[in-house]
Structure formats: structure tokens, C-alpha cells
Amino acid sequence: LNGHVDVVPAGDEDLWNYPPWQGTVVQGKVYGRGAADMKGGLCCALFAAKAVQDAGVLLKGRLILESVIGEEDGGVGTLAAVLRGYSADGAIVAEPTELAVAPAQAGAFNFRVTIPGKAAHGCVREEGVSPIEKFIPIHEALMTLECERNEGHQDPLYARYKLPNALCIGTVRAGTWASSVAESLVFEGRYGIAVDEDQEAARRALEEVVAEAAQ
């Protein structure tokens, strides 16, 4: 039974209807950061194990409870547990699925791209090279890649999702001053991989698109 305790940042806490870190209970529902994804599921796993123990049920093997971190960064906590020798014949991950059984899990990896530029004062910006302007066609090419990949990799289990293999640019950082051409730009994103897709082939497709758009 596996679950993660790390969560994404709460953002502006003033925009929350209930405090994100207090676990407020309203009409039988818990509100807070990670209540659904996925501290609630992990608590259910703990109580399920306790129920088996209290009932005196003798299992035919070991029951492993894994409370891991690093899920939001690609599942490195679970990977660390596997590398330490914790293996099982099967696993139940109590992610929120609206109580539907999810027999397969698509993959993803995070990526970071650095675009070099040439800094210059804003009044002579033509003497510089703006990495922001170089980023625009790369972003457009990545969005085109996302559309092509989702049209070509349709799994029945993910038919209800518009973008089952989403490509999300999550951060863009460039420049230190409004009146200067930025010296470089760094963007990071999440690259969705289909259930039956070869990971290396997916990686090459991403790298080739970025390289071509950067010409």
C-alpha cells in the first residue's frame, strides 16, 4: 500500500476558502492541501492495514505500507524504496480516482531547457540577443508536439481526457531588470508519456522538436 505525503505549494493562502494547513472538516469533508492528493488516501491505507490486523486475518505474505516523498518530482521516493530492496508482487496506490479502479498509469518526466542570449541595455537592445524572443517559437513547437502526440497515442483508459499525455511548461525564468535584454532564459516542464510508449523514443521526440525550433 503506497502513498505520498509531499504536496505542491499552497500558493496564495488568502484565495483558499479554508486554511490549507489545518485540515478543516465541513459537513463530513476534509479541506486542506493534500486532503485528496493524497494524504486522505494514505490514511485510508493505514486504516485498511489496521482493520486487517484487528480482524486477525492471516495474510499469505508481507503487507508493506509505504509513506513516501518526492512523488511531485517524479516518484523518486517510491524509486528510493525499490532501490533499497522493498519490492512486492502487487501494489495499490491510493491516488484519488473518484473510487474507480485505475489499472494502468501513464508516465511522465520533467525537463529543463536553458536558452542563451546576450545581455544589453534596453536602449540598444538590438546589440543584444533576447532569449525570450527565442523561446516563443520553441514554446509554439512544443504545443504542436503535444497535439500530435495526443492524437497519435489514444488509450481507451484515457479516452475521457482531452490531453492524456499533456506537455506542460510550468516555469519560465529570464532577466533581472525590466530595461535590459536578458542574458539567458530557463524553462521547465512536464512531459507526459503514454501507457505503452517507449520512453527513449518519447525523449528523442522532445529533444528533436526543441533543437529544430531553436535553429
N, C-alpha and C. Protein backbone atom coordinates (compact mmCIF):
# COMPACT_ATOMS: atom_id res chain seq x y z
N LEU A 1 0.86 -1.18 0.00
CA LEU A 1 0.00 0.00 0.00
C LEU A 1 0.90 1.23 0.00
N ASN A 2 0.79 2.03 -1.03
CA ASN A 2 1.72 3.13 -1.24
C ASN A 2 0.98 4.46 -1.29
N GLY A 3 1.59 5.47 -0.70
CA GLY A 3 1.05 6.82 -0.77
C GLY A 3 2.13 7.84 -0.49
N HIS A 4 1.94 9.03 -1.03
CA HIS A 4 2.95 10.07 -0.82
C HIS A 4 2.42 11.18 0.08
N VAL A 5 3.32 11.76 0.86
CA VAL A 5 2.94 12.82 1.80
C VAL A 5 3.39 14.20 1.33
N ASP A 6 4.18 14.28 0.27
CA ASP A 6 4.56 15.60 -0.24
C ASP A 6 3.41 16.17 -1.07
N VAL A 7 3.31 17.47 -1.10
CA VAL A 7 2.24 18.15 -1.83
C VAL A 7 2.83 19.33 -2.58
N VAL A 8 2.09 19.82 -3.57
CA VAL A 8 2.52 21.02 -4.28
C VAL A 8 2.25 22.23 -3.38
N PRO A 9 2.92 23.36 -3.62
CA PRO A 9 2.72 24.54 -2.77
C PRO A 9 1.26 24.99 -2.74
N ALA A 10 0.89 25.61 -1.64
CA ALA A 10 -0.50 26.07 -1.47
C ALA A 10 -0.80 27.34 -2.25
N GLY A 11 0.25 28.04 -2.68
CA GLY A 11 0.01 29.29 -3.39
C GLY A 11 -0.45 30.38 -2.44
N ASP A 12 -1.25 31.31 -2.96
CA ASP A 12 -1.77 32.41 -2.15
C ASP A 12 -2.82 31.87 -1.19
N GLU A 13 -2.49 31.80 0.08
CA GLU A 13 -3.40 31.21 1.06
C GLU A 13 -4.67 32.03 1.25
N ASP A 14 -4.64 33.31 0.89
CA ASP A 14 -5.84 34.15 1.00
C ASP A 14 -6.92 33.75 0.00
N LEU A 15 -6.55 32.99 -1.03
CA LEU A 15 -7.52 32.57 -2.04
C LEU A 15 -8.22 31.27 -1.65
N TRP A 16 -7.79 30.65 -0.55
CA TRP A 16 -8.41 29.41 -0.10
C TRP A 16 -9.70 29.71 0.68
N ASN A 17 -10.70 28.87 0.50
CA ASN A 17 -11.92 29.00 1.30
C ASN A 17 -11.70 28.58 2.74
N TYR A 18 -10.76 27.63 2.93
CA TYR A 18 -10.38 27.16 4.26
C TYR A 18 -8.86 27.13 4.33
N PRO A 19 -8.29 27.31 5.52
CA PRO A 19 -6.83 27.30 5.65
C PRO A 19 -6.23 26.01 5.10
N PRO A 20 -5.20 26.10 4.25
CA PRO A 20 -4.67 24.90 3.60
C PRO A 20 -3.97 23.92 4.52
N TRP A 21 -3.53 24.39 5.70
CA TRP A 21 -2.70 23.53 6.55
C TRP A 21 -3.40 23.09 7.84
N GLN A 22 -4.72 23.25 7.93
CA GLN A 22 -5.41 22.93 9.18
C GLN A 22 -6.31 21.70 9.09
N GLY A 23 -6.58 21.20 7.89
CA GLY A 23 -7.45 20.04 7.78
C GLY A 23 -8.85 20.31 8.32
N THR A 24 -9.48 21.37 7.84
CA THR A 24 -10.81 21.75 8.33
C THR A 24 -11.88 20.76 7.86
N VAL A 25 -12.73 20.32 8.79
CA VAL A 25 -13.81 19.38 8.47
C VAL A 25 -15.12 20.15 8.38
N VAL A 26 -15.77 20.07 7.23
CA VAL A 26 -17.04 20.74 7.00
C VAL A 26 -18.00 19.72 6.38
N GLN A 27 -19.11 19.45 7.07
CA GLN A 27 -20.12 18.51 6.60
C GLN A 27 -19.51 17.17 6.18
N GLY A 28 -18.61 16.69 7.00
CA GLY A 28 -18.02 15.38 6.77
C GLY A 28 -16.92 15.34 5.74
N LYS A 29 -16.52 16.48 5.22
CA LYS A 29 -15.45 16.53 4.23
C LYS A 29 -14.25 17.29 4.81
N VAL A 30 -13.05 16.81 4.48
CA VAL A 30 -11.82 17.44 4.94
C VAL A 30 -11.29 18.37 3.86
N TYR A 31 -11.01 19.61 4.24
CA TYR A 31 -10.47 20.59 3.30
C TYR A 31 -9.06 20.98 3.74
N GLY A 32 -8.13 20.92 2.81
CA GLY A 32 -6.75 21.29 3.10
C GLY A 32 -5.82 20.82 2.00
N ARG A 33 -4.63 21.37 1.98
CA ARG A 33 -3.66 20.96 0.96
C ARG A 33 -3.28 19.49 1.15
N GLY A 34 -3.50 18.69 0.10
CA GLY A 34 -3.17 17.28 0.15
C GLY A 34 -4.28 16.39 0.68
N ALA A 35 -5.45 16.95 0.99
CA ALA A 35 -6.53 16.12 1.52
C ALA A 35 -6.92 15.02 0.53
N ALA A 36 -6.95 15.37 -0.75
CA ALA A 36 -7.26 14.37 -1.77
C ALA A 36 -5.99 13.77 -2.37
N ASP A 37 -5.02 14.60 -2.63
CA ASP A 37 -3.79 14.17 -3.30
C ASP A 37 -2.58 14.36 -2.40
N MET A 38 -2.21 13.36 -1.55
CA MET A 38 -3.06 12.20 -1.36
C MET A 38 -2.99 11.69 0.07
N LYS A 39 -2.96 12.64 1.01
CA LYS A 39 -2.88 12.24 2.41
C LYS A 39 -4.14 11.49 2.85
N GLY A 40 -5.27 11.83 2.24
CA GLY A 40 -6.50 11.11 2.55
C GLY A 40 -6.40 9.65 2.16
N GLY A 41 -5.88 9.41 0.97
CA GLY A 41 -5.71 8.03 0.50
C GLY A 41 -4.72 7.25 1.35
N LEU A 42 -3.66 7.91 1.78
CA LEU A 42 -2.66 7.25 2.63
C LEU A 42 -3.27 6.89 3.98
N CYS A 43 -4.09 7.77 4.52
CA CYS A 43 -4.77 7.46 5.79
C CYS A 43 -5.69 6.25 5.62
N CYS A 44 -6.38 6.16 4.48
CA CYS A 44 -7.24 5.00 4.21
C CYS A 44 -6.41 3.72 4.18
N ALA A 45 -5.21 3.79 3.60
CA ALA A 45 -4.35 2.61 3.54
C ALA A 45 -3.93 2.18 4.94
N LEU A 46 -3.62 3.15 5.79
CA LEU A 46 -3.23 2.84 7.16
C LEU A 46 -4.38 2.18 7.92
N PHE A 47 -5.58 2.71 7.77
CA PHE A 47 -6.73 2.13 8.48
C PHE A 47 -7.12 0.77 7.90
N ALA A 48 -6.87 0.57 6.59
CA ALA A 48 -7.14 -0.74 5.99
C ALA A 48 -6.21 -1.79 6.60
N ALA A 49 -4.93 -1.43 6.75
CA ALA A 49 -3.98 -2.35 7.36
C ALA A 49 -4.35 -2.65 8.81
N LYS A 50 -4.80 -1.62 9.52
CA LYS A 50 -5.20 -1.81 10.92
C LYS A 50 -6.43 -2.71 11.01
N ALA A 51 -7.36 -2.54 10.06
CA ALA A 51 -8.57 -3.37 10.07
C ALA A 51 -8.23 -4.84 9.86
N VAL A 52 -7.29 -5.11 8.96
CA VAL A 52 -6.85 -6.48 8.72
C VAL A 52 -6.23 -7.06 9.98
N GLN A 53 -5.41 -6.25 10.63
CA GLN A 53 -4.74 -6.69 11.86
C GLN A 53 -5.75 -6.92 12.97
N ASP A 54 -6.66 -5.98 13.17
CA ASP A 54 -7.66 -6.11 14.24
C ASP A 54 -8.58 -7.31 14.01
N ALA A 55 -8.83 -7.64 12.75
CA ALA A 55 -9.72 -8.76 12.44
C ALA A 55 -9.02 -10.10 12.58
N GLY A 56 -7.72 -10.06 12.82
CA GLY A 56 -6.98 -11.31 12.99
C GLY A 56 -6.76 -12.08 11.70
N VAL A 57 -6.86 -11.39 10.57
CA VAL A 57 -6.67 -12.06 9.28
C VAL A 57 -5.19 -12.36 9.07
N LEU A 58 -4.88 -13.60 8.75
CA LEU A 58 -3.50 -14.00 8.48
C LEU A 58 -3.24 -13.95 6.98
N LEU A 59 -2.41 -13.06 6.58
CA LEU A 59 -2.09 -12.92 5.16
C LEU A 59 -1.06 -13.96 4.73
N LYS A 60 -1.04 -14.26 3.45
CA LYS A 60 -0.11 -15.25 2.92
C LYS A 60 1.28 -14.65 2.63
N GLY A 61 1.40 -13.37 2.82
CA GLY A 61 2.68 -12.72 2.58
C GLY A 61 2.78 -11.47 3.43
N ARG A 62 3.81 -10.69 3.16
CA ARG A 62 4.01 -9.45 3.90
C ARG A 62 3.17 -8.33 3.30
N LEU A 63 2.66 -7.47 4.16
CA LEU A 63 1.96 -6.26 3.73
C LEU A 63 2.88 -5.08 4.01
N ILE A 64 3.25 -4.37 2.98
CA ILE A 64 4.16 -3.23 3.11
C ILE A 64 3.37 -1.93 3.04
N LEU A 65 3.57 -1.07 4.00
CA LEU A 65 3.00 0.27 3.97
C LEU A 65 4.11 1.26 3.64
N GLU A 66 3.96 1.95 2.53
CA GLU A 66 4.97 2.92 2.11
C GLU A 66 4.40 4.33 2.16
N SER A 67 5.00 5.15 3.00
CA SER A 67 4.69 6.58 3.07
C SER A 67 5.91 7.30 2.51
N VAL A 68 5.80 7.79 1.29
CA VAL A 68 6.98 8.29 0.58
C VAL A 68 6.86 9.79 0.30
N ILE A 69 7.99 10.36 -0.06
CA ILE A 69 8.04 11.75 -0.52
C ILE A 69 8.55 11.75 -1.96
N GLY A 70 8.58 12.91 -2.56
CA GLY A 70 9.15 13.05 -3.89
C GLY A 70 8.24 12.64 -5.04
N GLU A 71 6.96 12.38 -4.76
CA GLU A 71 6.05 11.99 -5.84
C GLU A 71 5.85 13.13 -6.82
N GLU A 72 5.74 14.35 -6.30
CA GLU A 72 5.52 15.50 -7.15
C GLU A 72 6.74 15.83 -8.01
N ASP A 73 7.86 15.18 -7.73
CA ASP A 73 9.08 15.36 -8.53
C ASP A 73 9.41 14.12 -9.34
N GLY A 74 8.41 13.32 -9.64
CA GLY A 74 8.65 12.18 -10.50
C GLY A 74 8.65 10.83 -9.81
N GLY A 75 8.22 10.77 -8.56
CA GLY A 75 8.15 9.47 -7.88
C GLY A 75 9.46 8.98 -7.32
N VAL A 76 10.36 9.90 -6.99
CA VAL A 76 11.69 9.49 -6.53
C VAL A 76 11.65 8.81 -5.16
N GLY A 77 10.63 9.09 -4.35
CA GLY A 77 10.53 8.43 -3.05
C GLY A 77 10.23 6.96 -3.19
N THR A 78 9.29 6.61 -4.05
CA THR A 78 8.99 5.21 -4.30
C THR A 78 10.17 4.52 -4.96
N LEU A 79 10.83 5.20 -5.88
CA LEU A 79 12.02 4.63 -6.51
C LEU A 79 13.09 4.32 -5.47
N ALA A 80 13.28 5.24 -4.52
CA ALA A 80 14.27 5.01 -3.46
C ALA A 80 13.93 3.77 -2.65
N ALA A 81 12.63 3.56 -2.38
CA ALA A 81 12.21 2.38 -1.62
C ALA A 81 12.52 1.10 -2.41
N VAL A 82 12.26 1.12 -3.71
CA VAL A 82 12.55 -0.05 -4.54
C VAL A 82 14.05 -0.34 -4.56
N LEU A 83 14.85 0.71 -4.70
CA LEU A 83 16.31 0.53 -4.75
C LEU A 83 16.86 0.02 -3.42
N ARG A 84 16.12 0.24 -2.35
CA ARG A 84 16.55 -0.27 -1.04
C ARG A 84 16.06 -1.70 -0.79
N GLY A 85 15.40 -2.28 -1.77
CA GLY A 85 15.02 -3.67 -1.65
C GLY A 85 13.57 -3.93 -1.29
N TYR A 86 12.77 -2.90 -1.19
CA TYR A 86 11.35 -3.09 -0.86
C TYR A 86 10.57 -3.35 -2.16
N SER A 87 10.28 -4.61 -2.41
CA SER A 87 9.56 -4.99 -3.62
C SER A 87 8.31 -5.77 -3.23
N ALA A 88 7.37 -5.83 -4.16
CA ALA A 88 6.11 -6.53 -3.89
C ALA A 88 5.58 -7.14 -5.16
N ASP A 89 4.68 -8.12 -5.01
CA ASP A 89 4.06 -8.76 -6.16
C ASP A 89 2.98 -7.87 -6.78
N GLY A 90 2.44 -6.98 -5.99
CA GLY A 90 1.42 -6.07 -6.49
C GLY A 90 1.37 -4.84 -5.61
N ALA A 91 0.72 -3.80 -6.10
CA ALA A 91 0.66 -2.55 -5.33
C ALA A 91 -0.69 -1.88 -5.52
N ILE A 92 -1.14 -1.25 -4.46
CA ILE A 92 -2.32 -0.38 -4.52
C ILE A 92 -1.85 1.01 -4.12
N VAL A 93 -1.98 1.94 -5.05
CA VAL A 93 -1.61 3.34 -4.79
C VAL A 93 -2.91 4.12 -4.65
N ALA A 94 -3.13 4.68 -3.49
CA ALA A 94 -4.44 5.27 -3.17
C ALA A 94 -4.59 6.70 -3.67
N GLU A 95 -4.19 6.92 -4.92
CA GLU A 95 -4.41 8.23 -5.53
C GLU A 95 -5.91 8.45 -5.75
N PRO A 96 -6.36 9.71 -5.78
CA PRO A 96 -7.79 9.98 -5.99
C PRO A 96 -8.22 9.65 -7.41
N THR A 97 -9.14 8.70 -7.55
CA THR A 97 -9.65 8.30 -8.87
C THR A 97 -11.17 8.29 -8.90
N GLU A 98 -11.80 9.05 -7.98
CA GLU A 98 -13.26 9.06 -7.87
C GLU A 98 -13.80 7.64 -7.61
N LEU A 99 -13.01 6.86 -6.86
CA LEU A 99 -13.35 5.50 -6.44
C LEU A 99 -13.40 4.51 -7.60
N ALA A 100 -12.86 4.89 -8.75
CA ALA A 100 -12.78 3.97 -9.88
C ALA A 100 -11.43 3.26 -9.85
N VAL A 101 -11.40 1.99 -10.25
CA VAL A 101 -10.15 1.26 -10.32
C VAL A 101 -9.37 1.74 -11.54
N ALA A 102 -8.12 2.12 -11.31
CA ALA A 102 -7.25 2.58 -12.40
C ALA A 102 -6.16 1.53 -12.60
N PRO A 103 -6.31 0.64 -13.58
CA PRO A 103 -5.37 -0.48 -13.73
C PRO A 103 -4.06 -0.12 -14.42
N ALA A 104 -3.93 1.10 -14.93
CA ALA A 104 -2.71 1.49 -15.62
C ALA A 104 -2.37 2.94 -15.26
N GLN A 105 -1.12 3.27 -15.41
CA GLN A 105 -0.66 4.62 -15.06
C GLN A 105 0.25 5.14 -16.16
N ALA A 106 -0.12 6.26 -16.75
CA ALA A 106 0.75 6.88 -17.74
C ALA A 106 2.00 7.43 -17.04
N GLY A 107 3.03 7.64 -17.80
CA GLY A 107 4.28 8.15 -17.22
C GLY A 107 4.52 9.60 -17.55
N ALA A 108 5.62 10.12 -17.05
CA ALA A 108 5.99 11.50 -17.33
C ALA A 108 7.41 11.71 -16.84
N PHE A 109 8.07 12.69 -17.42
CA PHE A 109 9.33 13.13 -16.84
C PHE A 109 9.42 14.64 -16.93
N ASN A 110 10.17 15.20 -16.03
CA ASN A 110 10.38 16.64 -16.01
C ASN A 110 11.62 16.99 -16.82
N PHE A 111 11.63 18.17 -17.40
CA PHE A 111 12.77 18.59 -18.18
C PHE A 111 13.07 20.07 -17.93
N ARG A 112 14.31 20.43 -18.22
CA ARG A 112 14.74 21.82 -18.09
C ARG A 112 15.55 22.20 -19.33
N VAL A 113 15.24 23.36 -19.91
CA VAL A 113 15.94 23.84 -21.09
C VAL A 113 16.48 25.24 -20.82
N THR A 114 17.74 25.46 -21.13
CA THR A 114 18.36 26.77 -20.98
C THR A 114 18.60 27.37 -22.36
N ILE A 115 18.09 28.57 -22.57
CA ILE A 115 18.27 29.29 -23.84
C ILE A 115 19.25 30.44 -23.60
N PRO A 116 20.41 30.41 -24.21
CA PRO A 116 21.36 31.51 -24.02
C PRO A 116 20.97 32.74 -24.82
N GLY A 117 21.34 33.88 -24.31
CA GLY A 117 21.12 35.13 -25.02
C GLY A 117 22.35 36.01 -24.91
N LYS A 118 22.17 37.26 -25.15
CA LYS A 118 23.26 38.22 -24.99
C LYS A 118 22.69 39.47 -24.35
N ALA A 119 23.16 39.79 -23.17
CA ALA A 119 22.63 40.92 -22.42
C ALA A 119 23.00 42.24 -23.08
N ALA A 120 22.09 43.19 -22.96
CA ALA A 120 22.34 44.54 -23.47
C ALA A 120 21.38 45.49 -22.79
N HIS A 121 21.73 46.77 -22.77
CA HIS A 121 20.81 47.76 -22.21
C HIS A 121 19.61 47.90 -23.12
N GLY A 122 18.48 48.21 -22.53
CA GLY A 122 17.26 48.29 -23.29
C GLY A 122 17.26 49.34 -24.38
N CYS A 123 18.02 50.41 -24.22
CA CYS A 123 18.03 51.47 -25.23
C CYS A 123 18.83 51.07 -26.48
N VAL A 124 19.63 50.02 -26.34
CA VAL A 124 20.36 49.49 -27.50
C VAL A 124 20.11 47.98 -27.58
N ARG A 125 18.87 47.61 -27.46
CA ARG A 125 18.53 46.19 -27.38
C ARG A 125 18.93 45.43 -28.63
N GLU A 126 19.08 46.15 -29.77
CA GLU A 126 19.48 45.47 -31.00
C GLU A 126 20.90 44.91 -30.91
N GLU A 127 21.67 45.39 -29.93
CA GLU A 127 23.02 44.86 -29.73
C GLU A 127 23.01 43.57 -28.92
N GLY A 128 21.90 43.27 -28.34
CA GLY A 128 21.77 42.04 -27.56
C GLY A 128 21.03 40.96 -28.33
N VAL A 129 20.88 39.81 -27.70
CA VAL A 129 20.10 38.69 -28.25
C VAL A 129 19.13 38.26 -27.17
N SER A 130 17.86 38.44 -27.43
CA SER A 130 16.85 38.14 -26.41
C SER A 130 16.49 36.66 -26.39
N PRO A 131 16.76 35.98 -25.28
CA PRO A 131 16.34 34.57 -25.17
C PRO A 131 14.82 34.44 -25.06
N ILE A 132 14.17 35.52 -24.66
CA ILE A 132 12.70 35.49 -24.57
C ILE A 132 12.10 35.36 -25.95
N GLU A 133 12.64 36.12 -26.91
CA GLU A 133 12.16 36.03 -28.28
C GLU A 133 12.49 34.67 -28.89
N LYS A 134 13.62 34.08 -28.49
CA LYS A 134 14.00 32.75 -28.98
C LYS A 134 13.12 31.67 -28.37
N PHE A 135 12.56 31.93 -27.18
CA PHE A 135 11.71 30.96 -26.50
C PHE A 135 10.35 30.82 -27.18
N ILE A 136 9.84 31.89 -27.77
CA ILE A 136 8.48 31.89 -28.32
C ILE A 136 8.28 30.80 -29.38
N PRO A 137 9.14 30.68 -30.41
CA PRO A 137 8.92 29.59 -31.38
C PRO A 137 9.13 28.20 -30.79
N ILE A 138 9.98 28.10 -29.78
CA ILE A 138 10.16 26.80 -29.12
C ILE A 138 8.89 26.39 -28.40
N HIS A 139 8.28 27.34 -27.71
CA HIS A 139 7.03 27.05 -27.00
C HIS A 139 5.94 26.66 -27.99
N GLU A 140 5.85 27.37 -29.11
CA GLU A 140 4.84 27.04 -30.12
C GLU A 140 5.06 25.64 -30.67
N ALA A 141 6.32 25.27 -30.89
CA ALA A 141 6.64 23.94 -31.41
C ALA A 141 6.28 22.86 -30.40
N LEU A 142 6.49 23.14 -29.12
CA LEU A 142 6.15 22.16 -28.08
C LEU A 142 4.64 21.96 -27.99
N MET A 143 3.87 23.03 -28.15
CA MET A 143 2.43 22.90 -28.12
C MET A 143 1.92 22.10 -29.34
N THR A 144 2.58 22.27 -30.48
CA THR A 144 2.23 21.47 -31.65
C THR A 144 2.56 20.01 -31.40
N LEU A 145 3.72 19.75 -30.79
CA LEU A 145 4.10 18.38 -30.45
C LEU A 145 3.07 17.76 -29.52
N GLU A 146 2.60 18.51 -28.55
CA GLU A 146 1.60 18.00 -27.62
C GLU A 146 0.35 17.54 -28.36
N CYS A 147 -0.13 18.35 -29.30
CA CYS A 147 -1.32 17.99 -30.07
C CYS A 147 -1.08 16.72 -30.88
N GLU A 148 0.07 16.64 -31.53
CA GLU A 148 0.38 15.47 -32.36
C GLU A 148 0.47 14.20 -31.52
N ARG A 149 1.09 14.30 -30.36
CA ARG A 149 1.27 13.13 -29.51
C ARG A 149 -0.07 12.63 -28.95
N ASN A 150 -0.95 13.54 -28.62
CA ASN A 150 -2.23 13.13 -28.06
C ASN A 150 -3.17 12.60 -29.12
N GLU A 151 -2.97 12.99 -30.37
CA GLU A 151 -3.76 12.41 -31.45
C GLU A 151 -3.26 11.01 -31.80
N GLY A 152 -1.97 10.77 -31.60
CA GLY A 152 -1.38 9.50 -32.01
C GLY A 152 -1.30 8.46 -30.92
N HIS A 153 -1.53 8.83 -29.67
CA HIS A 153 -1.44 7.88 -28.55
C HIS A 153 -2.74 7.93 -27.75
N GLN A 154 -3.75 7.23 -28.25
CA GLN A 154 -5.04 7.21 -27.58
C GLN A 154 -5.26 5.84 -26.94
N ASP A 155 -5.31 5.80 -25.64
CA ASP A 155 -5.58 4.57 -24.91
C ASP A 155 -7.02 4.64 -24.42
N PRO A 156 -7.80 3.56 -24.55
CA PRO A 156 -9.20 3.58 -24.11
C PRO A 156 -9.37 4.00 -22.65
N LEU A 157 -8.39 3.68 -21.82
CA LEU A 157 -8.49 4.03 -20.40
C LEU A 157 -8.45 5.54 -20.18
N TYR A 158 -7.93 6.26 -21.17
CA TYR A 158 -7.78 7.71 -21.01
C TYR A 158 -8.64 8.48 -22.02
N ALA A 159 -9.66 7.81 -22.54
CA ALA A 159 -10.48 8.41 -23.59
C ALA A 159 -11.20 9.68 -23.13
N ARG A 160 -11.48 9.78 -21.84
CA ARG A 160 -12.25 10.94 -21.37
C ARG A 160 -11.39 12.18 -21.15
N TYR A 161 -10.06 12.02 -21.29
CA TYR A 161 -9.15 13.15 -21.10
C TYR A 161 -8.83 13.80 -22.44
N LYS A 162 -8.93 15.11 -22.49
CA LYS A 162 -8.62 15.83 -23.72
C LYS A 162 -7.14 15.72 -24.05
N LEU A 163 -6.29 15.79 -23.02
CA LEU A 163 -4.85 15.70 -23.21
C LEU A 163 -4.28 14.65 -22.26
N PRO A 164 -4.44 13.36 -22.57
CA PRO A 164 -3.95 12.32 -21.66
C PRO A 164 -2.44 12.34 -21.50
N ASN A 165 -1.73 12.86 -22.50
CA ASN A 165 -0.27 12.95 -22.44
C ASN A 165 0.13 14.42 -22.56
N ALA A 166 -0.21 15.16 -21.53
CA ALA A 166 -0.03 16.62 -21.58
C ALA A 166 1.44 17.01 -21.52
N LEU A 167 1.76 18.11 -22.18
CA LEU A 167 3.08 18.72 -22.12
C LEU A 167 2.88 20.10 -21.51
N CYS A 168 3.33 20.25 -20.27
CA CYS A 168 3.05 21.47 -19.52
C CYS A 168 4.35 22.23 -19.23
N ILE A 169 4.41 23.49 -19.65
CA ILE A 169 5.53 24.35 -19.27
C ILE A 169 5.15 25.01 -17.95
N GLY A 170 5.84 24.62 -16.88
CA GLY A 170 5.45 25.07 -15.55
C GLY A 170 6.17 26.29 -15.04
N THR A 171 7.43 26.50 -15.46
CA THR A 171 8.17 27.67 -15.01
C THR A 171 8.96 28.26 -16.17
N VAL A 172 9.05 29.59 -16.17
CA VAL A 172 9.87 30.33 -17.13
C VAL A 172 10.58 31.43 -16.36
N ARG A 173 11.91 31.43 -16.42
CA ARG A 173 12.68 32.44 -15.69
C ARG A 173 13.67 33.10 -16.63
N ALA A 174 13.63 34.43 -16.66
CA ALA A 174 14.56 35.17 -17.52
C ALA A 174 14.70 36.60 -17.03
N GLY A 175 15.91 37.12 -17.12
CA GLY A 175 16.13 38.54 -16.85
C GLY A 175 16.13 38.91 -15.39
N THR A 176 16.77 40.03 -15.11
CA THR A 176 16.82 40.56 -13.75
C THR A 176 16.40 42.02 -13.69
N TRP A 177 16.16 42.63 -14.86
CA TRP A 177 15.84 44.05 -14.88
C TRP A 177 14.96 44.36 -16.08
N ALA A 178 13.94 45.16 -15.86
CA ALA A 178 12.95 45.41 -16.92
C ALA A 178 13.54 46.12 -18.14
N SER A 179 14.56 46.93 -17.95
CA SER A 179 15.10 47.73 -19.05
C SER A 179 16.37 47.12 -19.65
N SER A 180 16.56 45.80 -19.46
CA SER A 180 17.73 45.13 -20.03
C SER A 180 17.32 43.88 -20.78
N VAL A 181 18.07 43.57 -21.83
CA VAL A 181 17.88 42.31 -22.53
C VAL A 181 18.41 41.19 -21.63
N ALA A 182 17.62 40.16 -21.46
CA ALA A 182 18.00 39.06 -20.57
C ALA A 182 19.22 38.32 -21.11
N GLU A 183 20.04 37.84 -20.19
CA GLU A 183 21.23 37.10 -20.58
C GLU A 183 20.92 35.65 -20.94
N SER A 184 19.91 35.09 -20.29
CA SER A 184 19.51 33.71 -20.58
C SER A 184 18.08 33.50 -20.11
N LEU A 185 17.49 32.40 -20.56
CA LEU A 185 16.14 32.01 -20.14
C LEU A 185 16.15 30.53 -19.83
N VAL A 186 15.51 30.16 -18.74
CA VAL A 186 15.38 28.76 -18.35
C VAL A 186 13.90 28.43 -18.20
N PHE A 187 13.47 27.40 -18.91
CA PHE A 187 12.09 26.95 -18.71
C PHE A 187 12.07 25.48 -18.36
N GLU A 188 11.08 25.10 -17.56
CA GLU A 188 10.94 23.73 -17.09
C GLU A 188 9.53 23.24 -17.35
N GLY A 189 9.40 21.95 -17.54
CA GLY A 189 8.08 21.42 -17.83
C GLY A 189 7.94 19.95 -17.50
N ARG A 190 6.73 19.49 -17.70
CA ARG A 190 6.36 18.07 -17.51
C ARG A 190 5.95 17.50 -18.84
N TYR A 191 6.50 16.35 -19.17
CA TYR A 191 6.29 15.72 -20.48
C TYR A 191 5.60 14.38 -20.27
N GLY A 192 4.33 14.31 -20.65
CA GLY A 192 3.56 13.10 -20.44
C GLY A 192 3.93 12.00 -21.42
N ILE A 193 3.98 10.76 -20.93
CA ILE A 193 4.33 9.60 -21.75
C ILE A 193 3.17 8.61 -21.69
N ALA A 194 2.78 8.09 -22.85
CA ALA A 194 1.64 7.17 -22.93
C ALA A 194 1.94 5.85 -22.23
N VAL A 195 0.88 5.11 -21.91
CA VAL A 195 1.00 3.88 -21.14
C VAL A 195 1.96 2.89 -21.79
N ASP A 196 1.87 2.69 -23.12
CA ASP A 196 2.68 1.68 -23.80
C ASP A 196 3.80 2.29 -24.63
N GLU A 197 4.17 3.53 -24.35
CA GLU A 197 5.15 4.23 -25.18
C GLU A 197 6.58 3.98 -24.72
N ASP A 198 7.49 3.87 -25.67
CA ASP A 198 8.90 3.73 -25.36
C ASP A 198 9.45 5.06 -24.84
N GLN A 199 10.04 5.03 -23.66
CA GLN A 199 10.48 6.26 -23.01
C GLN A 199 11.58 6.97 -23.79
N GLU A 200 12.53 6.21 -24.32
CA GLU A 200 13.63 6.83 -25.05
C GLU A 200 13.15 7.47 -26.35
N ALA A 201 12.19 6.83 -27.01
CA ALA A 201 11.63 7.40 -28.23
C ALA A 201 10.89 8.70 -27.93
N ALA A 202 10.17 8.71 -26.81
CA ALA A 202 9.47 9.93 -26.41
C ALA A 202 10.46 11.05 -26.10
N ARG A 203 11.54 10.71 -25.45
CA ARG A 203 12.56 11.70 -25.11
C ARG A 203 13.20 12.27 -26.38
N ARG A 204 13.50 11.41 -27.34
CA ARG A 204 14.10 11.88 -28.59
C ARG A 204 13.17 12.82 -29.33
N ALA A 205 11.87 12.52 -29.32
CA ALA A 205 10.90 13.39 -30.00
C ALA A 205 10.93 14.79 -29.40
N LEU A 206 11.00 14.87 -28.09
CA LEU A 206 11.05 16.17 -27.42
C LEU A 206 12.34 16.91 -27.78
N GLU A 207 13.46 16.22 -27.69
CA GLU A 207 14.75 16.86 -27.97
C GLU A 207 14.84 17.33 -29.41
N GLU A 208 14.32 16.55 -30.34
CA GLU A 208 14.38 16.92 -31.75
C GLU A 208 13.54 18.16 -32.05
N VAL A 209 12.36 18.24 -31.44
CA VAL A 209 11.49 19.39 -31.65
C VAL A 209 12.13 20.67 -31.12
N VAL A 210 12.71 20.58 -29.92
CA VAL A 210 13.37 21.76 -29.34
C VAL A 210 14.56 22.18 -30.19
N ALA A 211 15.37 21.21 -30.63
CA ALA A 211 16.55 21.52 -31.43
C ALA A 211 16.16 22.17 -32.76
N GLU A 212 15.12 21.66 -33.40
CA GLU A 212 14.70 22.21 -34.69
C GLU A 212 14.14 23.63 -34.53
N ALA A 213 13.34 23.83 -33.48
CA ALA A 213 12.75 25.16 -33.26
C ALA A 213 13.79 26.18 -32.84
N ALA A 214 14.90 25.71 -32.30
CA ALA A 214 15.94 26.63 -31.83
C ALA A 214 16.86 27.11 -32.94
N GLN A 215 16.71 26.55 -34.15
CA GLN A 215 17.60 26.95 -35.25
C GLN A 215 17.37 28.40 -35.64
